[in-house]
PDB file of N, CA and C in Angstrom:
ATOM      1  N   MET A   1    -181.418 -89.354  80.056  1.00  0.00           N
ATOM      2  CA  MET A   1    -182.416 -88.726  79.592  1.00  0.00           C
ATOM      3  C   MET A   1    -182.075 -88.083  78.351  1.00  0.00           C
ATOM      4  N   GLN A   2    -182.804 -88.171  77.387  1.00  0.00           N
ATOM      5  CA  GLN A   2    -182.690 -87.561  75.995  1.00  0.00           C
ATOM      6  C   GLN A   2    -183.498 -86.400  75.792  1.00  0.00           C
ATOM      7  N   THR A   3    -183.211 -85.323  75.118  1.00  0.00           N
ATOM      8  CA  THR A   3    -183.915 -84.146  74.799  1.00  0.00           C
ATOM      9  C   THR A   3    -184.278 -84.170  73.586  1.00  0.00           C
ATOM     10  N   THR A   4    -185.436 -83.748  73.149  1.00  0.00           N
ATOM     11  CA  THR A   4    -185.965 -83.663  71.735  1.00  0.00           C
ATOM     12  C   THR A   4    -185.251 -82.396  71.133  1.00  0.00           C
ATOM     13  N   PRO A   5    -185.405 -82.363  69.671  1.00  0.00           N
ATOM     14  CA  PRO A   5    -184.805 -81.082  69.221  1.00  0.00           C
ATOM     15  C   PRO A   5    -185.594 -79.842  69.480  1.00  0.00           C
ATOM     16  N   ASP A   6    -186.922 -80.035  69.917  1.00  0.00           N
ATOM     17  CA  ASP A   6    -187.639 -78.844  70.390  1.00  0.00           C
ATOM     18  C   ASP A   6    -187.158 -78.540  71.717  1.00  0.00           C
ATOM     19  N   GLU A   7    -186.892 -79.356  72.670  1.00  0.00           N
ATOM     20  CA  GLU A   7    -186.405 -79.153  74.083  1.00  0.00           C
ATOM     21  C   GLU A   7    -185.032 -78.337  74.145  1.00  0.00           C
ATOM     22  N   ALA A   8    -184.101 -78.720  73.173  1.00  0.00           N
ATOM     23  CA  ALA A   8    -182.796 -78.512  73.356  1.00  0.00           C
ATOM     24  C   ALA A   8    -182.534 -76.919  73.409  1.00  0.00           C
ATOM     25  N   PRO A   9    -183.382 -76.077  72.481  1.00  0.00           N
ATOM     26  CA  PRO A   9    -183.173 -74.685  72.396  1.00  0.00           C
ATOM     27  C   PRO A   9    -183.837 -74.166  73.851  1.00  0.00           C
ATOM     28  N   LEU A  10    -184.883 -74.657  74.454  1.00  0.00           N
ATOM     29  CA  LEU A  10    -185.255 -74.218  75.511  1.00  0.00           C
ATOM     30  C   LEU A  10    -184.170 -74.391  76.783  1.00  0.00           C
ATOM     31  N   ALA A  11    -183.575 -75.536  76.874  1.00  0.00           N
ATOM     32  CA  ALA A  11    -182.699 -75.669  77.900  1.00  0.00           C
ATOM     33  C   ALA A  11    -181.618 -74.771  77.657  1.00  0.00           C
ATOM     34  N   ALA A  12    -181.021 -74.486  76.505  1.00  0.00           N
ATOM     35  CA  ALA A  12    -179.887 -73.584  76.120  1.00  0.00           C
ATOM     36  C   ALA A  12    -180.449 -72.118  76.760  1.00  0.00           C
ATOM     37  N   ARG A  13    -181.591 -71.894  76.396  1.00  0.00           N
ATOM     38  CA  ARG A  13    -181.888 -70.330  76.819  1.00  0.00           C
ATOM     39  C   ARG A  13    -182.240 -70.283  78.307  1.00  0.00           C
ATOM     40  N   THR A  14    -182.620 -71.338  78.720  1.00  0.00           N
ATOM     41  CA  THR A  14    -183.071 -71.219  80.272  1.00  0.00           C
ATOM     42  C   THR A  14    -181.429 -71.118  80.989  1.00  0.00           C
ATOM     43  N   ALA A  15    -180.554 -71.895  80.545  1.00  0.00           N
ATOM     44  CA  ALA A  15    -179.162 -71.915  81.103  1.00  0.00           C
ATOM     45  C   ALA A  15    -178.383 -70.395  80.897  1.00  0.00           C
ATOM     46  N   SER A  16    -178.633 -70.007  79.840  1.00  0.00           N
ATOM     47  CA  SER A  16    -177.995 -68.539  79.553  1.00  0.00           C
ATOM     48  C   SER A  16    -178.868 -67.517  80.387  1.00  0.00           C
ATOM     49  N   SER A  17    -180.081 -67.473  80.505  1.00  0.00           N
ATOM     50  CA  SER A  17    -180.754 -66.607  81.050  1.00  0.00           C
ATOM     51  C   SER A  17    -180.460 -66.479  82.654  1.00  0.00           C
ATOM     52  N   ALA A  18    -180.166 -67.763  83.170  1.00  0.00           N
ATOM     53  CA  ALA A  18    -179.834 -67.870  84.572  1.00  0.00           C
ATOM     54  C   ALA A  18    -178.567 -67.535  84.965  1.00  0.00           C
ATOM     55  N   SER A  19    -177.477 -67.147  84.101  1.00  0.00           N
ATOM     56  CA  SER A  19    -176.330 -66.832  84.561  1.00  0.00           C
ATOM     57  C   SER A  19    -176.324 -65.499  85.351  1.00  0.00           C
ATOM     58  N   ARG A  20    -175.504 -65.302  86.282  1.00  0.00           N
ATOM     59  CA  ARG A  20    -175.162 -64.195  87.032  1.00  0.00           C
ATOM     60  C   ARG A  20    -173.940 -63.906  87.352  1.00  0.00           C
ATOM     61  N   SER A  21    -173.481 -62.694  87.154  1.00  0.00           N
ATOM     62  CA  SER A  21    -172.370 -62.296  87.222  1.00  0.00           C
ATOM     63  C   SER A  21    -172.263 -61.315  88.374  1.00  0.00           C
ATOM     64  N   VAL A  22    -171.418 -61.411  89.480  1.00  0.00           N
ATOM     65  CA  VAL A  22    -171.460 -60.756  90.766  1.00  0.00           C
ATOM     66  C   VAL A  22    -169.929 -59.940  90.483  1.00  0.00           C
ATOM     67  N   LEU A  23    -170.112 -58.536  90.735  1.00  0.00           N
ATOM     68  CA  LEU A  23    -168.972 -57.784  90.673  1.00  0.00           C
ATOM     69  C   LEU A  23    -168.407 -57.455  92.131  1.00  0.00           C
ATOM     70  N   ALA A  24    -167.490 -58.033  92.623  1.00  0.00           N
ATOM     71  CA  ALA A  24    -167.048 -58.015  94.126  1.00  0.00           C
ATOM     72  C   ALA A  24    -167.016 -56.509  94.622  1.00  0.00           C
ATOM     73  N   ALA A  25    -167.084 -56.481  95.908  1.00  0.00           N
ATOM     74  CA  ALA A  25    -167.089 -55.015  96.587  1.00  0.00           C
ATOM     75  C   ALA A  25    -165.678 -54.297  96.308  1.00  0.00           C
ATOM     76  N   ASP A  26    -164.698 -55.109  96.128  1.00  0.00           N
ATOM     77  CA  ASP A  26    -163.188 -54.434  96.099  1.00  0.00           C
ATOM     78  C   ASP A  26    -162.995 -54.229  94.522  1.00  0.00           C
ATOM     79  N   LEU A  27    -163.831 -54.347  93.789  1.00  0.00           N
ATOM     80  CA  LEU A  27    -163.851 -54.246  92.311  1.00  0.00           C
ATOM     81  C   LEU A  27    -164.267 -52.915  91.945  1.00  0.00           C
ATOM     82  N   LYS A  28    -163.556 -52.237  91.007  1.00  0.00           N
ATOM     83  CA  LYS A  28    -163.895 -50.969  90.574  1.00  0.00           C
ATOM     84  C   LYS A  28    -163.513 -50.837  88.905  1.00  0.00           C
ATOM     85  N   ILE A  29    -164.818 -50.661  88.236  1.00  0.00           N
ATOM     86  CA  ILE A  29    -164.647 -51.022  86.608  1.00  0.00           C
ATOM     87  C   ILE A  29    -165.064 -49.588  85.908  1.00  0.00           C
ATOM     88  N   LYS A  30    -164.252 -49.113  84.879  1.00  0.00           N
ATOM     89  CA  LYS A  30    -164.575 -48.043  84.172  1.00  0.00           C
ATOM     90  C   LYS A  30    -164.709 -48.641  82.754  1.00  0.00           C
ATOM     91  N   GLY A  31    -165.964 -48.605  82.170  1.00  0.00           N
ATOM     92  CA  GLY A  31    -166.089 -49.095  81.175  1.00  0.00           C
ATOM     93  C   GLY A  31    -167.559 -49.736  80.846  1.00  0.00           C
ATOM     94  N   ASP A  32    -167.694 -50.374  79.504  1.00  0.00           N
ATOM     95  CA  ASP A  32    -169.313 -50.838  79.210  1.00  0.00           C
ATOM     96  C   ASP A  32    -169.271 -52.185  79.589  1.00  0.00           C
ATOM     97  N   MET A  33    -170.380 -52.692  79.943  1.00  0.00           N
ATOM     98  CA  MET A  33    -170.690 -54.179  80.125  1.00  0.00           C
ATOM     99  C   MET A  33    -171.924 -54.639  79.557  1.00  0.00           C
ATOM    100  N   THR A  34    -172.029 -55.818  79.004  1.00  0.00           N
ATOM    101  CA  THR A  34    -173.124 -56.217  78.497  1.00  0.00           C
ATOM    102  C   THR A  34    -173.263 -57.835  79.032  1.00  0.00           C
ATOM    103  N   SER A  35    -174.575 -58.246  79.286  1.00  0.00           N
ATOM    104  CA  SER A  35    -174.651 -59.514  79.815  1.00  0.00           C
ATOM    105  C   SER A  35    -176.121 -59.988  79.469  1.00  0.00           C
ATOM    106  N   ASP A  36    -176.235 -61.307  79.062  1.00  0.00           N
ATOM    107  CA  ASP A  36    -177.710 -61.733  78.669  1.00  0.00           C
ATOM    108  C   ASP A  36    -178.444 -62.287  79.954  1.00  0.00           C
ATOM    109  N   GLY A  37    -177.665 -62.323  81.247  1.00  0.00           N
ATOM    110  CA  GLY A  37    -178.134 -62.596  82.522  1.00  0.00           C
ATOM    111  C   GLY A  37    -178.105 -61.431  83.387  1.00  0.00           C
ATOM    112  N   THR A  38    -177.936 -61.685  84.662  1.00  0.00           N
ATOM    113  CA  THR A  38    -177.891 -60.715  85.766  1.00  0.00           C
ATOM    114  C   THR A  38    -176.664 -60.282  86.051  1.00  0.00           C
ATOM    115  N   ILE A  39    -176.569 -59.038  86.296  1.00  0.00           N
ATOM    116  CA  ILE A  39    -175.412 -58.512  86.776  1.00  0.00           C
ATOM    117  C   ILE A  39    -175.537 -57.835  88.071  1.00  0.00           C
ATOM    118  N   GLU A  40    -174.786 -58.293  89.243  1.00  0.00           N
ATOM    119  CA  GLU A  40    -174.947 -57.656  90.439  1.00  0.00           C
ATOM    120  C   GLU A  40    -173.618 -56.956  90.827  1.00  0.00           C
ATOM    121  N   VAL A  41    -173.987 -55.555  91.159  1.00  0.00           N
ATOM    122  CA  VAL A  41    -172.705 -54.644  91.346  1.00  0.00           C
ATOM    123  C   VAL A  41    -172.746 -54.605  92.943  1.00  0.00           C
ATOM    124  N   LEU A  42    -171.521 -54.929  93.411  1.00  0.00           N
ATOM    125  CA  LEU A  42    -171.247 -54.773  94.996  1.00  0.00           C
ATOM    126  C   LEU A  42    -170.156 -53.855  95.024  1.00  0.00           C
ATOM    127  N   GLY A  43    -169.535 -53.535  93.939  1.00  0.00           N
ATOM    128  CA  GLY A  43    -168.255 -52.487  94.163  1.00  0.00           C
ATOM    129  C   GLY A  43    -168.966 -51.273  93.352  1.00  0.00           C
ATOM    130  N   GLU A  44    -167.815 -50.969  92.382  1.00  0.00           N
ATOM    131  CA  GLU A  44    -168.244 -49.596  91.680  1.00  0.00           C
ATOM    132  C   GLU A  44    -167.909 -49.702  90.097  1.00  0.00           C
ATOM    133  N   VAL A  45    -169.017 -49.167  89.516  1.00  0.00           N
ATOM    134  CA  VAL A  45    -168.954 -49.301  87.989  1.00  0.00           C
ATOM    135  C   VAL A  45    -169.205 -47.915  87.370  1.00  0.00           C
ATOM    136  N   GLU A  46    -168.304 -47.469  86.649  1.00  0.00           N
ATOM    137  CA  GLU A  46    -168.581 -46.195  85.626  1.00  0.00           C
ATOM    138  C   GLU A  46    -168.528 -46.515  84.233  1.00  0.00           C
ATOM    139  N   GLY A  47    -169.889 -46.440  83.704  1.00  0.00           N
ATOM    140  CA  GLY A  47    -170.034 -46.744  82.114  1.00  0.00           C
ATOM    141  C   GLY A  47    -171.169 -47.022  81.796  1.00  0.00           C
ATOM    142  N   LYS A  48    -171.403 -47.677  80.816  1.00  0.00           N
ATOM    143  CA  LYS A  48    -172.781 -48.117  80.216  1.00  0.00           C
ATOM    144  C   LYS A  48    -173.132 -49.904  80.782  1.00  0.00           C
ATOM    145  N   ILE A  49    -174.070 -49.958  81.187  1.00  0.00           N
ATOM    146  CA  ILE A  49    -174.462 -51.451  81.405  1.00  0.00           C
ATOM    147  C   ILE A  49    -175.687 -51.823  80.959  1.00  0.00           C
ATOM    148  N   ALA A  50    -175.605 -53.064  80.146  1.00  0.00           N
ATOM    149  CA  ALA A  50    -176.896 -53.552  79.483  1.00  0.00           C
ATOM    150  C   ALA A  50    -177.006 -54.956  79.909  1.00  0.00           C
ATOM    151  N   ALA A  51    -177.994 -55.326  80.394  1.00  0.00           N
ATOM    152  CA  ALA A  51    -178.075 -56.882  81.017  1.00  0.00           C
ATOM    153  C   ALA A  51    -179.751 -57.199  81.003  1.00  0.00           C
ATOM    154  N   ARG A  52    -179.898 -58.268  81.059  1.00  0.00           N
ATOM    155  CA  ARG A  52    -181.335 -58.819  81.282  1.00  0.00           C
ATOM    156  C   ARG A  52    -181.774 -58.219  82.847  1.00  0.00           C
ATOM    157  N   ALA A  53    -180.853 -58.133  83.620  1.00  0.00           N
ATOM    158  CA  ALA A  53    -181.405 -57.589  85.074  1.00  0.00           C
ATOM    159  C   ALA A  53    -180.090 -57.192  85.825  1.00  0.00           C
ATOM    160  N   LEU A  54    -180.227 -56.073  86.436  1.00  0.00           N
ATOM    161  CA  LEU A  54    -179.285 -55.362  87.229  1.00  0.00           C
ATOM    162  C   LEU A  54    -179.660 -55.132  88.585  1.00  0.00           C
ATOM    163  N   ILE A  55    -178.645 -55.660  89.551  1.00  0.00           N
ATOM    164  CA  ILE A  55    -179.151 -55.395  90.971  1.00  0.00           C
ATOM    165  C   ILE A  55    -177.841 -54.462  91.497  1.00  0.00           C
ATOM    166  N   VAL A  56    -178.102 -53.481  91.997  1.00  0.00           N
ATOM    167  CA  VAL A  56    -176.979 -52.661  92.760  1.00  0.00           C
ATOM    168  C   VAL A  56    -176.949 -53.116  94.143  1.00  0.00           C
ATOM    169  N   GLY A  57    -176.205 -53.649  94.766  1.00  0.00           N
ATOM    170  CA  GLY A  57    -176.039 -53.975  96.364  1.00  0.00           C
ATOM    171  C   GLY A  57    -175.991 -52.828  97.233  1.00  0.00           C
ATOM    172  N   ASN A  58    -176.163 -53.032  98.483  1.00  0.00           N
ATOM    173  CA  ASN A  58    -176.086 -52.272  99.360  1.00  0.00           C
ATOM    174  C   ASN A  58    -175.035 -51.211  99.457  1.00  0.00           C
ATOM    175  N   ASP A  59    -173.806 -51.625  99.033  1.00  0.00           N
ATOM    176  CA  ASP A  59    -172.365 -50.800  99.059  1.00  0.00           C
ATOM    177  C   ASP A  59    -172.216 -50.682  97.611  1.00  0.00           C
ATOM    178  N   GLY A  60    -173.008 -51.121  96.632  1.00  0.00           N
ATOM    179  CA  GLY A  60    -172.720 -50.907  95.298  1.00  0.00           C
ATOM    180  C   GLY A  60    -172.921 -49.648  94.766  1.00  0.00           C
ATOM    181  N   ARG A  61    -172.084 -49.234  93.964  1.00  0.00           N
ATOM    182  CA  ARG A  61    -172.356 -47.727  93.151  1.00  0.00           C
ATOM    183  C   ARG A  61    -172.160 -47.874  91.656  1.00  0.00           C
ATOM    184  N   VAL A  62    -173.110 -47.351  91.170  1.00  0.00           N
ATOM    185  CA  VAL A  62    -173.176 -47.444  89.538  1.00  0.00           C
ATOM    186  C   VAL A  62    -173.202 -45.881  89.040  1.00  0.00           C
ATOM    187  N   LYS A  63    -172.361 -45.434  88.118  1.00  0.00           N
ATOM    188  CA  LYS A  63    -172.429 -44.112  87.480  1.00  0.00           C
ATOM    189  C   LYS A  63    -172.402 -44.388  85.920  1.00  0.00           C
ATOM    190  N   GLY A  64    -173.648 -43.951  85.407  1.00  0.00           N
ATOM    191  CA  GLY A  64    -173.507 -44.063  83.950  1.00  0.00           C
ATOM    192  C   GLY A  64    -175.227 -44.480  83.417  1.00  0.00           C
ATOM    193  N   THR A  65    -175.223 -45.249  82.253  1.00  0.00           N
ATOM    194  CA  THR A  65    -176.440 -45.406  81.730  1.00  0.00           C
ATOM    195  C   THR A  65    -176.649 -46.965  81.809  1.00  0.00           C
ATOM    196  N   VAL A  66    -177.903 -47.224  82.307  1.00  0.00           N
ATOM    197  CA  VAL A  66    -178.058 -48.536  82.411  1.00  0.00           C
ATOM    198  C   VAL A  66    -179.548 -49.021  81.683  1.00  0.00           C
ATOM    199  N   SER A  67    -179.456 -50.164  81.020  1.00  0.00           N
ATOM    200  CA  SER A  67    -180.577 -50.671  80.379  1.00  0.00           C
ATOM    201  C   SER A  67    -180.668 -52.209  80.500  1.00  0.00           C
ATOM    202  N   ALA A  68    -181.926 -52.395  81.163  1.00  0.00           N
ATOM    203  CA  ALA A  68    -182.024 -53.600  81.576  1.00  0.00           C
ATOM    204  C   ALA A  68    -183.782 -53.975  81.612  1.00  0.00           C
ATOM    205  N   GLU A  69    -184.141 -55.192  81.620  1.00  0.00           N
ATOM    206  CA  GLU A  69    -185.626 -55.628  81.671  1.00  0.00           C
ATOM    207  C   GLU A  69    -185.843 -55.245  83.241  1.00  0.00           C
ATOM    208  N   SER A  70    -184.969 -55.431  84.313  1.00  0.00           N
ATOM    209  CA  SER A  70    -185.421 -55.296  85.652  1.00  0.00           C
ATOM    210  C   SER A  70    -184.191 -54.634  86.186  1.00  0.00           C
ATOM    211  N   VAL A  71    -184.485 -53.717  87.080  1.00  0.00           N
ATOM    212  CA  VAL A  71    -183.312 -53.054  87.771  1.00  0.00           C
ATOM    213  C   VAL A  71    -183.895 -52.758  89.267  1.00  0.00           C
ATOM    214  N   GLU A  72    -182.912 -53.273  90.122  1.00  0.00           N
ATOM    215  CA  GLU A  72    -183.134 -53.200  91.542  1.00  0.00           C
ATOM    216  C   GLU A  72    -181.953 -52.524  92.389  1.00  0.00           C
ATOM    217  N   VAL A  73    -182.140 -51.357  92.879  1.00  0.00           N
ATOM    218  CA  VAL A  73    -181.310 -50.626  93.395  1.00  0.00           C
ATOM    219  C   VAL A  73    -181.343 -50.621  95.039  1.00  0.00           C
ATOM    220  N   ARG A  74    -180.268 -50.820  95.558  1.00  0.00           N
ATOM    221  CA  ARG A  74    -180.147 -51.120  97.159  1.00  0.00           C
ATOM    222  C   ARG A  74    -178.996 -50.036  97.523  1.00  0.00           C
ATOM    223  N   GLY A  75    -178.093 -49.610  96.654  1.00  0.00           N
ATOM    224  CA  GLY A  75    -177.064 -48.863  96.954  1.00  0.00           C
ATOM    225  C   GLY A  75    -177.083 -47.524  96.284  1.00  0.00           C
ATOM    226  N   ARG A  76    -176.309 -47.169  95.324  1.00  0.00           N
ATOM    227  CA  ARG A  76    -176.162 -45.818  94.739  1.00  0.00           C
ATOM    228  C   ARG A  76    -176.166 -45.943  93.209  1.00  0.00           C
ATOM    229  N   LEU A  77    -177.110 -44.905  92.614  1.00  0.00           N
ATOM    230  CA  LEU A  77    -176.980 -45.230  91.153  1.00  0.00           C
ATOM    231  C   LEU A  77    -177.019 -43.631  90.489  1.00  0.00           C
ATOM    232  N   ASP A  78    -176.214 -43.103  89.699  1.00  0.00           N
ATOM    233  CA  ASP A  78    -176.238 -41.826  89.227  1.00  0.00           C
ATOM    234  C   ASP A  78    -176.166 -41.999  87.655  1.00  0.00           C
ATOM    235  N   GLY A  79    -177.219 -41.423  86.853  1.00  0.00           N
ATOM    236  CA  GLY A  79    -177.075 -41.451  85.523  1.00  0.00           C
ATOM    237  C   GLY A  79    -178.500 -41.477  84.884  1.00  0.00           C
ATOM    238  N   ARG A  80    -178.726 -42.575  83.979  1.00  0.00           N
ATOM    239  CA  ARG A  80    -179.950 -42.737  83.057  1.00  0.00           C
ATOM    240  C   ARG A  80    -180.224 -44.161  83.595  1.00  0.00           C
ATOM    241  N   ILE A  81    -181.703 -44.509  83.545  1.00  0.00           N
ATOM    242  CA  ILE A  81    -182.159 -45.923  83.845  1.00  0.00           C
ATOM    243  C   ILE A  81    -183.168 -46.054  82.810  1.00  0.00           C
ATOM    244  N   SER A  82    -183.120 -47.147  81.812  1.00  0.00           N
ATOM    245  CA  SER A  82    -184.164 -47.495  80.931  1.00  0.00           C
ATOM    246  C   SER A  82    -184.554 -49.045  81.456  1.00  0.00           C
ATOM    247  N   CYS A  83    -185.644 -49.289  81.694  1.00  0.00           N
ATOM    248  CA  CYS A  83    -186.150 -50.765  82.165  1.00  0.00           C
ATOM    249  C   CYS A  83    -187.570 -50.812  81.798  1.00  0.00           C
ATOM    250  N   SER A  84    -187.804 -52.060  82.221  1.00  0.00           N
ATOM    251  CA  SER A  84    -189.370 -52.524  82.318  1.00  0.00           C
ATOM    252  C   SER A  84    -189.714 -52.300  84.031  1.00  0.00           C
ATOM    253  N   ALA A  85    -189.173 -53.140  84.718  1.00  0.00           N
ATOM    254  CA  ALA A  85    -189.357 -53.099  86.177  1.00  0.00           C
ATOM    255  C   ALA A  85    -188.231 -52.429  87.022  1.00  0.00           C
ATOM    256  N   LEU A  86    -188.516 -51.077  87.638  1.00  0.00           N
ATOM    257  CA  LEU A  86    -187.510 -50.532  88.625  1.00  0.00           C
ATOM    258  C   LEU A  86    -188.209 -50.733  90.001  1.00  0.00           C
ATOM    259  N   THR A  87    -187.112 -50.988  90.786  1.00  0.00           N
ATOM    260  CA  THR A  87    -187.409 -51.203  92.310  1.00  0.00           C
ATOM    261  C   THR A  87    -186.276 -50.478  93.098  1.00  0.00           C
ATOM    262  N   LEU A  88    -186.634 -49.587  93.942  1.00  0.00           N
ATOM    263  CA  LEU A  88    -185.699 -48.947  94.573  1.00  0.00           C
ATOM    264  C   LEU A  88    -185.946 -49.108  96.292  1.00  0.00           C
ATOM    265  N   ARG A  89    -185.019 -49.790  96.690  1.00  0.00           N
ATOM    266  CA  ARG A  89    -185.121 -50.095  98.147  1.00  0.00           C
ATOM    267  C   ARG A  89    -184.833 -49.047  99.027  1.00  0.00           C
ATOM    268  N   ALA A  90    -185.327 -49.106 100.119  1.00  0.00           N
ATOM    269  CA  ALA A  90    -185.431 -48.275 101.308  1.00  0.00           C
ATOM    270  C   ALA A  90    -183.960 -47.688 101.550  1.00  0.00           C
ATOM    271  N   ALA A  91    -182.854 -48.342 101.190  1.00  0.00           N
ATOM    272  CA  ALA A  91    -181.558 -47.797 101.534  1.00  0.00           C
ATOM    273  C   ALA A  91    -180.958 -47.171 100.105  1.00  0.00           C
ATOM    274  N   SER A  92    -181.660 -47.212  99.122  1.00  0.00           N
ATOM    275  CA  SER A  92    -181.037 -46.500  97.859  1.00  0.00           C
ATOM    276  C   SER A  92    -180.878 -45.043  97.670  1.00  0.00           C
ATOM    277  N   SER A  93    -180.119 -44.870  97.026  1.00  0.00           N
ATOM    278  CA  SER A  93    -179.739 -43.210  96.677  1.00  0.00           C
ATOM    279  C   SER A  93    -179.729 -43.225  95.197  1.00  0.00           C
ATOM    280  N   VAL A  94    -180.828 -42.651  94.359  1.00  0.00           N
ATOM    281  CA  VAL A  94    -180.682 -42.674  93.030  1.00  0.00           C
ATOM    282  C   VAL A  94    -180.847 -41.288  92.455  1.00  0.00           C
ATOM    283  N   ARG A  95    -179.917 -40.805  91.795  1.00  0.00           N
ATOM    284  CA  ARG A  95    -179.923 -39.481  91.065  1.00  0.00           C
ATOM    285  C   ARG A  95    -179.893 -39.869  89.471  1.00  0.00           C
ATOM    286  N   ALA A  96    -181.066 -39.957  88.738  1.00  0.00           N
ATOM    287  CA  ALA A  96    -181.131 -40.515  87.648  1.00  0.00           C
ATOM    288  C   ALA A  96    -182.420 -40.066  86.784  1.00  0.00           C
ATOM    289  N   ASP A  97    -182.345 -40.047  85.422  1.00  0.00           N
ATOM    290  CA  ASP A  97    -183.562 -39.880  84.791  1.00  0.00           C
ATOM    291  C   ASP A  97    -183.934 -41.392  84.304  1.00  0.00           C
ATOM    292  N   SER A  98    -185.354 -41.766  84.889  1.00  0.00           N
ATOM    293  CA  SER A  98    -185.488 -43.006  84.679  1.00  0.00           C
ATOM    294  C   SER A  98    -186.698 -43.427  83.636  1.00  0.00           C
ATOM    295  N   THR A  99    -186.877 -44.325  82.726  1.00  0.00           N
ATOM    296  CA  THR A  99    -187.839 -44.678  82.011  1.00  0.00           C
ATOM    297  C   THR A  99    -188.156 -46.109  82.425  1.00  0.00           C
ATOM    298  N   TYR A 100    -189.298 -46.429  82.717  1.00  0.00           N
ATOM    299  CA  TYR A 100    -189.815 -47.700  83.301  1.00  0.00           C
ATOM    300  C   TYR A 100    -191.356 -48.066  82.823  1.00  0.00           C
ATOM    301  N   SER A 101    -191.682 -49.203  83.081  1.00  0.00           N
ATOM    302  CA  SER A 101    -192.911 -49.595  82.759  1.00  0.00           C
ATOM    303  C   SER A 101    -193.677 -49.672  84.228  1.00  0.00           C
ATOM    304  N   THR A 102    -193.026 -50.352  85.143  1.00  0.00           N
ATOM    305  CA  THR A 102    -193.464 -50.327  86.426  1.00  0.00           C
ATOM    306  C   THR A 102    -192.495 -49.991  87.454  1.00  0.00           C
ATOM    307  N   VAL A 103    -192.952 -49.408  88.661  1.00  0.00           N
ATOM    308  CA  VAL A 103    -191.864 -48.729  89.657  1.00  0.00           C
ATOM    309  C   VAL A 103    -192.465 -49.054  90.915  1.00  0.00           C
ATOM    310  N   ILE A 104    -191.430 -49.678  91.908  1.00  0.00           N
ATOM    311  CA  ILE A 104    -191.697 -49.707  93.290  1.00  0.00           C
ATOM    312  C   ILE A 104    -190.627 -48.794  93.938  1.00  0.00           C
ATOM    313  N   ILE A 105    -191.016 -48.164  94.896  1.00  0.00           N
ATOM    314  CA  ILE A 105    -190.224 -47.050  95.575  1.00  0.00           C
ATOM    315  C   ILE A 105    -190.425 -47.274  97.294  1.00  0.00           C
ATOM    316  N   GLU A 106    -189.548 -47.929  97.824  1.00  0.00           N
ATOM    317  CA  GLU A 106    -189.884 -48.301  99.191  1.00  0.00           C
ATOM    318  C   GLU A 106    -189.532 -46.890 100.013  1.00  0.00           C
ATOM    319  N   SER A 107    -190.211 -46.689 100.986  1.00  0.00           N
ATOM    320  CA  SER A 107    -190.010 -45.745 101.996  1.00  0.00           C
ATOM    321  C   SER A 107    -188.693 -45.430 102.458  1.00  0.00           C
ATOM    322  N   GLY A 108    -188.085 -44.377 102.401  1.00  0.00           N
ATOM    323  CA  GLY A 108    -186.716 -44.134 102.881  1.00  0.00           C
ATOM    324  C   GLY A 108    -185.776 -44.138 101.795  1.00  0.00           C
ATOM    325  N   ALA A 109    -186.296 -44.348 100.407  1.00  0.00           N
ATOM    326  CA  ALA A 109    -185.291 -44.404  99.284  1.00  0.00           C
ATOM    327  C   ALA A 109    -184.973 -42.781  99.163  1.00  0.00           C
ATOM    328  N   GLN A 110    -183.981 -42.480  98.806  1.00  0.00           N
ATOM    329  CA  GLN A 110    -183.535 -41.048  98.362  1.00  0.00           C
ATOM    330  C   GLN A 110    -183.582 -40.995  96.776  1.00  0.00           C
ATOM    331  N   ILE A 111    -184.429 -40.207  96.157  1.00  0.00           N
ATOM    332  CA  ILE A 111    -184.362 -40.216  94.688  1.00  0.00           C
ATOM    333  C   ILE A 111    -184.220 -38.769  94.280  1.00  0.00           C
ATOM    334  N   ASP A 112    -183.711 -38.527  93.251  1.00  0.00           N
ATOM    335  CA  ASP A 112    -183.775 -37.352  92.541  1.00  0.00           C
ATOM    336  C   ASP A 112    -183.661 -37.517  91.071  1.00  0.00           C
ATOM    337  N   GLY A 113    -184.556 -36.861  90.271  1.00  0.00           N
ATOM    338  CA  GLY A 113    -184.485 -36.996  88.729  1.00  0.00           C
ATOM    339  C   GLY A 113    -185.815 -37.125  88.246  1.00  0.00           C
ATOM    340  N   ARG A 114    -185.813 -37.417  86.903  1.00  0.00           N
ATOM    341  CA  ARG A 114    -187.020 -37.404  86.368  1.00  0.00           C
ATOM    342  C   ARG A 114    -187.495 -38.847  85.958  1.00  0.00           C
ATOM    343  N   PHE A 115    -188.779 -39.166  86.518  1.00  0.00           N
ATOM    344  CA  PHE A 115    -189.411 -40.382  86.125  1.00  0.00           C
ATOM    345  C   PHE A 115    -190.349 -40.393  84.957  1.00  0.00           C
ATOM    346  N   THR A 116    -190.121 -41.328  84.111  1.00  0.00           N
ATOM    347  CA  THR A 116    -191.131 -41.184  82.719  1.00  0.00           C
ATOM    348  C   THR A 116    -191.723 -42.792  82.524  1.00  0.00           C
ATOM    349  N   LEU A 117    -192.808 -42.860  82.455  1.00  0.00           N
ATOM    350  CA  LEU A 117    -193.552 -43.998  82.197  1.00  0.00           C
ATOM    351  C   LEU A 117    -193.435 -44.328  80.668  1.00  0.00           C
ATOM    352  N   ALA A 118    -192.854 -45.321  80.422  1.00  0.00           N
ATOM    353  CA  ALA A 118    -192.535 -46.015  78.975  1.00  0.00           C
ATOM    354  C   ALA A 118    -193.896 -45.954  78.215  1.00  0.00           C
ATOM    355  N   LYS A 119    -193.651 -45.689  77.028  1.00  0.00           N
ATOM    356  CA  LYS A 119    -194.990 -45.783  76.166  1.00  0.00           C
ATOM    357  C   LYS A 119    -195.117 -47.191  75.742  1.00  0.00           C
ATOM    358  N   ALA A 120    -196.325 -47.559  75.616  1.00  0.00           N
ATOM    359  CA  ALA A 120    -196.500 -49.032  75.247  1.00  0.00           C
ATOM    360  C   ALA A 120    -196.098 -49.442  73.570  1.00  0.00           C
TER     361      ALA A 120
END
């Protein structure tokens, strides 16, 4: 199957946006991370995270500044969050100042901080 010149960039963009980096439960990172795809944190991260999407797993811990299109927290996040879509699951514990366009907070989520609706 051949791709036309117009289709090739779309295929390349789709492949790069589909990338997912999983940081295992036994991993501890101090430093900054950047990804064009999704970062899933099952271990511990201290620093800045910039990604298309961030998922903090049930046992995951993030301490620092997060910037992403979507952020889903199931574990613990302390710091600052800047995103379009913020989802705080029932088991999450969040101590952060958050800027978002849309937010979902499940019953049971523990939250502390300032929540600010992003200006259009």
